[in-house]
Amino acid sequence: MNHQSDTKNKTLNQPTTSGVPGTGKTKKLSGAARRKLKKMRKEAGSSRQPGFSSPTLDQSASGKQISASPTKAVSKAGTQKRHWSESSTRKKFKTGTETNTRTFSEVTTGFRMAIIHEDLGITLSEEETGKIQTWILDRIDNISIGAVSPKFIECLHREGALHITCADQVSVDWLRSELSGATPWEGGKLRFVEERDLSKTIRAHAWIPESQEEPETVLRRIEIQNVGVATSNWQVIERKANGRGQTLIVLMNQTSWDKMGDCCSHRPYVNLTRATFKLLSNMKVGGKKR
C-alpha cells in the first residue's frame, strides 16, 4: 500500500505526457489540458516552495517552450513611468549679486560694451575703472538738456576692463564719441569695444614678403587693399625683419580675425603681393592665455 501511495504522489508531482514513439518528441498538450494546467499553477502559486519547478511548460505551435515568470510579470506590472512637471526642470535666471536691480529683459536687450586699455597687453585696475566712471559722469553733467540722453543699465570692473551695458544705440554712439582720443588720466588711452570681442583676443603671426615698411604703413595698406578688413584695432607687439620681408606678431579681436578669413582666407593683399596670417593662440585681456 505504501508503495502504491508513493507512486501516486510522484505521478501528481511530475505528470508526464505521451510522445510519438521512436521520435523522442513530447506530444503537444491539447487546449483543455493547457487550461487545466494553467488553473493548477494558479492555485498552487501562493504555496509553491522555492526551487519547485512547474510540472510542464506550455509550448507554442512551433514547439518552442514559453517560460512562465511570475516574478517578472509582477515587476512589469508594478513599473510606472516617472512624470516630470515643467517646474521641476525649469532653470532660474541668476541675478548675480544681492544688490543687483537689473531685470532679465534689460540685460538681454542692452548693448554690452567694454572699455579697455589701448594696449591690449595692459589691464585696467579697479582704481582706473573708477576714474573712468567719474569721467563719464562729468561728461554727462556737461550735456545741455534736450541735446542727448545717454542711458546705462550696468557698469562694473571685471577681468581688467570696465564692462558697461548701454540701454540703446544712441548711448553707445555718444560714449564712443566721448572716448575717442580721451585720456581720463595721464597715459590712459582707451579702447571702446563690444563685450563679445573682449574675451577672444587673437594673437596672430603675419608674414609680409618683400616688405620693410613700418607696421603702421603695412596695416593701413591691408585695410585699403582688402575691402571688409578693418585694422584700426590691430596692435603689432613684435617685429622681425630680414632681406626677404618681415614677420609681425599682431593682436586683434575675434571679429577682425573672422572677417579676414571670410574676405581673403587670412591671406590679405598688401603692397604688390599677399601676406599670410596664422593663428598663434587665443588670449584674454592682460595677456592670459585662454
Protein backbone atom coordinates (compact mmCIF):
# COMPACT_ATOMS: atom_id res chain seq x y z
CA MET A 1 0.00 0.00 0.00
CA ASN A 2 2.78 2.41 0.86
CA HIS A 3 4.46 1.63 -2.41
CA GLN A 4 1.28 2.40 -4.34
CA SER A 5 0.76 5.70 -2.41
CA ASP A 6 4.31 6.89 -3.20
CA THR A 7 3.81 6.05 -6.84
CA LYS A 8 0.56 8.05 -6.94
CA ASN A 9 2.14 11.14 -5.30
CA LYS A 10 5.04 11.01 -7.70
CA THR A 11 2.64 10.93 -10.58
CA LEU A 12 0.81 14.02 -9.32
CA ASN A 13 4.02 16.00 -8.75
CA GLN A 14 5.58 15.06 -12.07
CA PRO A 15 2.88 14.50 -14.68
CA THR A 16 4.03 13.16 -18.00
CA THR A 17 2.63 13.17 -21.47
CA SER A 18 2.90 10.52 -24.05
CA GLY A 19 5.00 11.20 -27.08
CA VAL A 20 5.34 9.91 -30.59
CA PRO A 21 7.07 6.51 -30.46
CA GLY A 22 10.63 6.48 -31.72
CA THR A 23 10.91 10.24 -32.14
CA GLY A 24 11.80 11.35 -28.61
CA LYS A 25 9.46 14.32 -29.02
CA THR A 26 6.93 15.32 -26.41
CA LYS A 27 3.35 15.35 -27.52
CA LYS A 28 1.77 18.82 -27.62
CA LEU A 29 -0.89 19.34 -24.97
CA SER A 30 -4.45 19.86 -26.07
CA GLY A 31 -6.27 23.10 -25.34
CA ALA A 32 -8.23 21.59 -22.46
CA ALA A 33 -5.05 20.17 -20.93
CA ARG A 34 -3.29 23.53 -21.16
CA ARG A 35 -6.22 25.30 -19.47
CA LYS A 36 -6.27 22.70 -16.70
CA LEU A 37 -2.51 23.08 -16.19
CA LYS A 38 -2.86 26.85 -16.04
CA LYS A 39 -5.56 26.53 -13.37
CA MET A 40 -3.37 24.15 -11.33
CA ARG A 41 -0.46 26.61 -11.47
CA LYS A 42 -2.66 29.46 -10.35
CA GLU A 43 -3.98 27.51 -7.36
CA ALA A 44 -0.52 26.31 -6.35
CA GLY A 45 1.22 29.68 -6.98
CA SER A 46 0.81 31.02 -3.44
CA SER A 47 2.02 27.82 -1.76
CA ARG A 48 4.81 26.92 -4.18
CA GLN A 49 8.10 26.15 -2.43
CA PRO A 50 11.41 27.71 -3.51
CA GLY A 51 13.13 25.63 -6.14
CA PHE A 52 9.87 23.86 -7.15
CA SER A 53 9.58 23.94 -10.90
CA SER A 54 6.42 23.82 -12.96
CA PRO A 55 5.46 20.26 -13.92
CA THR A 56 5.06 21.02 -17.57
CA LEU A 57 5.71 24.12 -19.67
CA ASP A 58 3.36 25.39 -22.30
CA GLN A 59 4.58 25.08 -25.81
CA SER A 60 3.89 27.26 -28.80
CA ALA A 61 2.81 25.96 -32.15
CA SER A 62 6.44 25.93 -33.30
CA GLY A 63 7.44 23.64 -30.44
CA LYS A 64 9.41 26.30 -28.52
CA GLN A 65 8.82 26.47 -24.79
CA ILE A 66 7.23 29.60 -23.36
CA SER A 67 8.59 30.06 -19.87
CA ALA A 68 6.33 31.34 -17.15
CA SER A 69 7.93 34.04 -15.00
CA PRO A 70 5.56 35.24 -12.28
CA THR A 71 8.30 37.44 -10.74
CA LYS A 72 8.94 39.32 -13.99
CA ALA A 73 5.24 39.70 -14.62
CA VAL A 74 4.77 41.36 -11.24
CA SER A 75 7.81 43.55 -11.88
CA LYS A 76 6.48 44.73 -15.22
CA ALA A 77 3.01 45.32 -13.83
CA GLY A 78 4.43 47.35 -10.94
CA THR A 79 6.66 49.54 -13.12
CA GLN A 80 5.41 53.07 -13.58
CA LYS A 81 6.78 55.83 -15.75
CA ARG A 82 8.09 58.88 -13.98
CA HIS A 83 6.24 62.03 -14.90
CA TRP A 84 8.18 65.28 -14.84
CA SER A 85 6.47 68.53 -14.18
CA GLU A 86 7.54 71.61 -16.08
CA SER A 87 8.54 73.35 -12.88
CA SER A 88 10.87 70.53 -11.83
CA THR A 89 13.31 71.14 -14.71
CA ARG A 90 12.91 74.85 -15.26
CA LYS A 91 16.15 76.81 -14.97
CA LYS A 92 16.11 80.01 -12.99
CA PHE A 93 17.90 83.16 -14.06
CA LYS A 94 20.66 84.18 -11.69
CA THR A 95 20.82 87.89 -10.97
CA GLY A 96 24.45 87.85 -9.83
CA THR A 97 24.81 89.95 -6.68
CA GLU A 98 22.29 90.67 -3.97
CA THR A 99 22.36 94.40 -4.72
CA ASN A 100 21.69 93.85 -8.43
CA THR A 101 18.48 95.57 -9.57
CA ARG A 102 18.65 94.60 -13.24
CA THR A 103 15.73 92.85 -14.89
CA PHE A 104 16.24 89.94 -17.27
CA SER A 105 14.70 91.95 -20.10
CA GLU A 106 17.06 94.89 -19.55
CA VAL A 107 20.15 92.71 -19.58
CA THR A 108 19.20 90.82 -22.73
CA THR A 109 18.16 93.89 -24.73
CA GLY A 110 21.02 96.21 -23.70
CA PHE A 111 24.22 96.78 -25.67
CA ARG A 112 27.07 95.07 -23.84
CA MET A 113 30.24 97.10 -24.30
CA ALA A 114 33.65 97.30 -22.63
CA ILE A 115 36.30 99.95 -22.09
CA ILE A 116 39.85 98.59 -22.16
CA HIS A 117 43.38 99.98 -22.33
CA GLU A 118 44.58 100.82 -25.83
CA ASP A 119 47.49 98.46 -25.26
CA LEU A 120 45.75 95.07 -25.18
CA GLY A 121 48.51 93.67 -23.00
CA ILE A 122 47.68 96.06 -20.14
CA THR A 123 44.76 95.52 -17.77
CA LEU A 124 42.80 98.28 -16.05
CA SER A 125 42.86 98.32 -12.27
CA GLU A 126 39.75 98.89 -10.19
CA GLU A 127 41.06 102.35 -9.33
CA GLU A 128 41.46 103.21 -13.02
CA THR A 129 37.97 101.99 -13.94
CA GLY A 130 36.67 104.12 -11.07
CA LYS A 131 38.32 107.15 -12.67
CA ILE A 132 36.65 106.28 -15.97
CA GLN A 133 33.23 106.16 -14.33
CA THR A 134 33.81 109.55 -12.70
CA TRP A 135 34.95 110.93 -16.05
CA ILE A 136 31.78 109.63 -17.77
CA LEU A 137 29.57 111.27 -15.13
CA ASP A 138 31.43 114.56 -15.65
CA ARG A 139 30.75 114.32 -19.38
CA ILE A 140 27.04 113.73 -18.67
CA ASP A 141 26.96 116.85 -16.48
CA ASN A 142 28.25 118.90 -19.43
CA ILE A 143 25.37 117.86 -21.72
CA SER A 144 22.78 120.53 -22.48
CA ILE A 145 19.24 119.50 -21.55
CA GLY A 146 17.45 118.10 -24.59
CA ALA A 147 20.64 117.57 -26.60
CA VAL A 148 21.20 113.83 -25.99
CA SER A 149 20.15 111.38 -23.27
CA PRO A 150 22.75 108.66 -22.65
CA LYS A 151 21.31 105.74 -20.68
CA PHE A 152 23.17 102.90 -18.98
CA ILE A 153 21.93 99.74 -17.27
CA GLU A 154 25.08 98.43 -15.60
CA CYS A 155 28.71 99.37 -15.08
CA LEU A 156 31.31 97.20 -13.32
CA HIS A 157 35.00 96.31 -13.20
CA ARG A 158 35.81 92.76 -14.26
CA GLU A 159 38.90 90.99 -15.64
CA GLY A 160 40.92 94.13 -16.27
CA ALA A 161 38.20 96.08 -18.08
CA LEU A 162 35.20 98.31 -17.40
CA HIS A 163 32.08 96.48 -18.59
CA ILE A 164 29.20 98.82 -19.35
CA THR A 165 25.75 97.97 -20.71
CA CYS A 166 24.20 100.77 -22.77
CA ALA A 167 20.41 100.98 -22.97
CA ASP A 168 20.27 101.94 -26.65
CA GLN A 169 22.37 102.65 -29.73
CA VAL A 170 22.29 106.39 -29.06
CA SER A 171 24.10 105.80 -25.76
CA VAL A 172 26.68 103.60 -27.49
CA ASP A 173 27.38 106.24 -30.12
CA TRP A 174 27.61 109.04 -27.54
CA LEU A 175 30.07 107.16 -25.32
CA ARG A 176 32.20 106.11 -28.30
CA SER A 177 32.38 109.72 -29.44
CA GLU A 178 33.34 110.97 -25.98
CA LEU A 179 36.02 108.30 -25.52
CA SER A 180 37.63 108.98 -28.89
CA GLY A 181 41.05 110.39 -28.07
CA ALA A 182 40.14 110.88 -24.40
CA THR A 183 42.64 110.30 -21.57
CA PRO A 184 40.88 110.26 -18.16
CA TRP A 185 44.38 110.19 -16.59
CA GLU A 186 47.88 110.73 -17.91
CA GLY A 187 48.77 107.93 -20.31
CA GLY A 188 45.29 106.44 -20.00
CA LYS A 189 44.47 105.85 -23.67
CA LEU A 190 41.39 103.69 -24.02
CA ARG A 191 39.51 101.50 -26.48
CA PHE A 192 35.72 101.08 -26.66
CA VAL A 193 34.76 97.61 -27.92
CA GLU A 194 31.87 95.18 -27.90
CA GLU A 195 31.98 92.83 -24.92
CA ARG A 196 31.72 89.75 -27.13
CA ASP A 197 35.03 90.67 -28.76
CA LEU A 198 36.76 91.27 -25.45
CA SER A 199 37.04 87.66 -24.28
CA LYS A 200 38.64 86.47 -27.52
CA THR A 201 41.71 88.47 -28.43
CA ILE A 202 43.57 86.79 -31.27
CA ARG A 203 47.37 86.64 -31.41
CA ALA A 204 48.45 86.06 -35.00
CA HIS A 205 51.74 85.53 -36.81
CA ALA A 206 51.93 87.57 -40.02
CA TRP A 207 54.50 87.09 -42.78
CA ILE A 208 54.83 90.14 -45.07
CA PRO A 209 57.08 89.23 -48.02
CA GLU A 210 59.24 91.84 -49.76
CA SER A 211 58.38 94.44 -47.14
CA GLN A 212 60.49 96.69 -44.94
CA GLU A 213 57.84 99.35 -44.21
CA GLU A 214 56.82 100.39 -40.72
CA PRO A 215 53.99 98.26 -39.22
CA GLU A 216 51.55 101.22 -39.26
CA THR A 217 52.03 101.56 -43.02
CA VAL A 218 51.57 97.83 -43.58
CA LEU A 219 48.31 97.69 -41.59
CA ARG A 220 46.89 100.74 -43.37
CA ARG A 221 47.63 99.22 -46.78
CA ILE A 222 45.99 95.94 -45.74
CA GLU A 223 42.80 97.82 -44.84
CA ILE A 224 42.85 99.80 -48.12
CA GLN A 225 43.58 96.83 -50.37
CA ASN A 226 41.11 94.40 -48.73
CA VAL A 227 37.51 95.58 -48.51
CA GLY A 228 35.90 94.45 -45.26
CA VAL A 229 39.14 94.05 -43.30
CA ALA A 230 39.44 96.72 -40.59
CA THR A 231 42.87 97.08 -38.98
CA SER A 232 42.16 100.07 -36.71
CA ASN A 233 42.02 97.84 -33.61
CA TRP A 234 45.09 95.76 -34.52
CA GLN A 235 48.23 96.10 -32.46
CA VAL A 236 51.71 94.98 -33.50
CA ILE A 237 53.59 93.73 -30.44
CA GLU A 238 56.64 92.23 -32.15
CA ARG A 239 58.51 92.76 -35.41
CA LYS A 240 61.40 90.94 -37.08
CA ALA A 241 62.72 91.94 -40.50
CA ASN A 242 65.18 90.26 -42.87
CA GLY A 243 66.19 90.54 -46.51
CA ARG A 244 63.13 88.64 -47.74
CA GLY A 245 60.48 90.53 -45.78
CA GLN A 246 59.26 90.90 -42.20
CA THR A 247 57.36 88.98 -39.56
CA LEU A 248 54.78 90.68 -37.34
CA ILE A 249 53.01 89.41 -34.22
CA VAL A 250 49.61 91.09 -34.24
CA LEU A 251 46.83 91.31 -31.64
CA MET A 252 43.27 91.70 -32.93
CA ASN A 253 39.74 90.88 -31.82
CA GLN A 254 37.76 87.83 -32.88
CA THR A 255 35.56 89.81 -35.28
CA SER A 256 38.55 91.11 -37.24
CA TRP A 257 40.03 87.62 -37.48
CA ASP A 258 36.76 86.14 -38.74
CA LYS A 259 36.20 88.91 -41.30
CA MET A 260 39.72 88.49 -42.66
CA GLY A 261 39.02 84.77 -43.02
CA ASP A 262 35.80 85.41 -44.93
CA CYS A 263 37.39 88.07 -47.12
CA CYS A 264 40.69 86.51 -48.11
CA SER A 265 41.22 83.29 -46.14
CA HIS A 266 43.73 85.09 -43.87
CA ARG A 267 45.92 85.95 -46.88
CA PRO A 268 45.28 89.68 -47.37
CA TYR A 269 46.67 91.61 -50.31
CA VAL A 270 49.38 94.10 -49.32
CA ASN A 271 51.83 96.11 -51.42
CA LEU A 272 52.36 94.08 -54.62
CA THR A 273 51.92 90.63 -53.06
CA ARG A 274 49.94 88.79 -50.37
CA ALA A 275 50.60 88.41 -46.65
CA THR A 276 49.99 85.21 -44.68
CA PHE A 277 48.39 85.24 -41.21
CA LYS A 278 48.43 82.22 -38.90
CA LEU A 279 46.68 81.88 -35.55
CA LEU A 280 49.03 81.53 -32.58
CA SER A 281 46.62 81.48 -29.64
CA ASN A 282 43.54 82.98 -28.04
CA MET A 283 44.20 85.35 -25.17
CA LYS A 284 42.32 87.27 -22.53
CA VAL A 285 42.94 90.91 -21.82
CA GLY A 286 46.17 91.13 -19.84
CA GLY A 287 47.99 88.51 -21.86
CA LYS A 288 46.50 85.50 -20.07
CA LYS A 289 46.05 82.59 -22.46
CA ARG A 290 42.63 81.08 -22.79
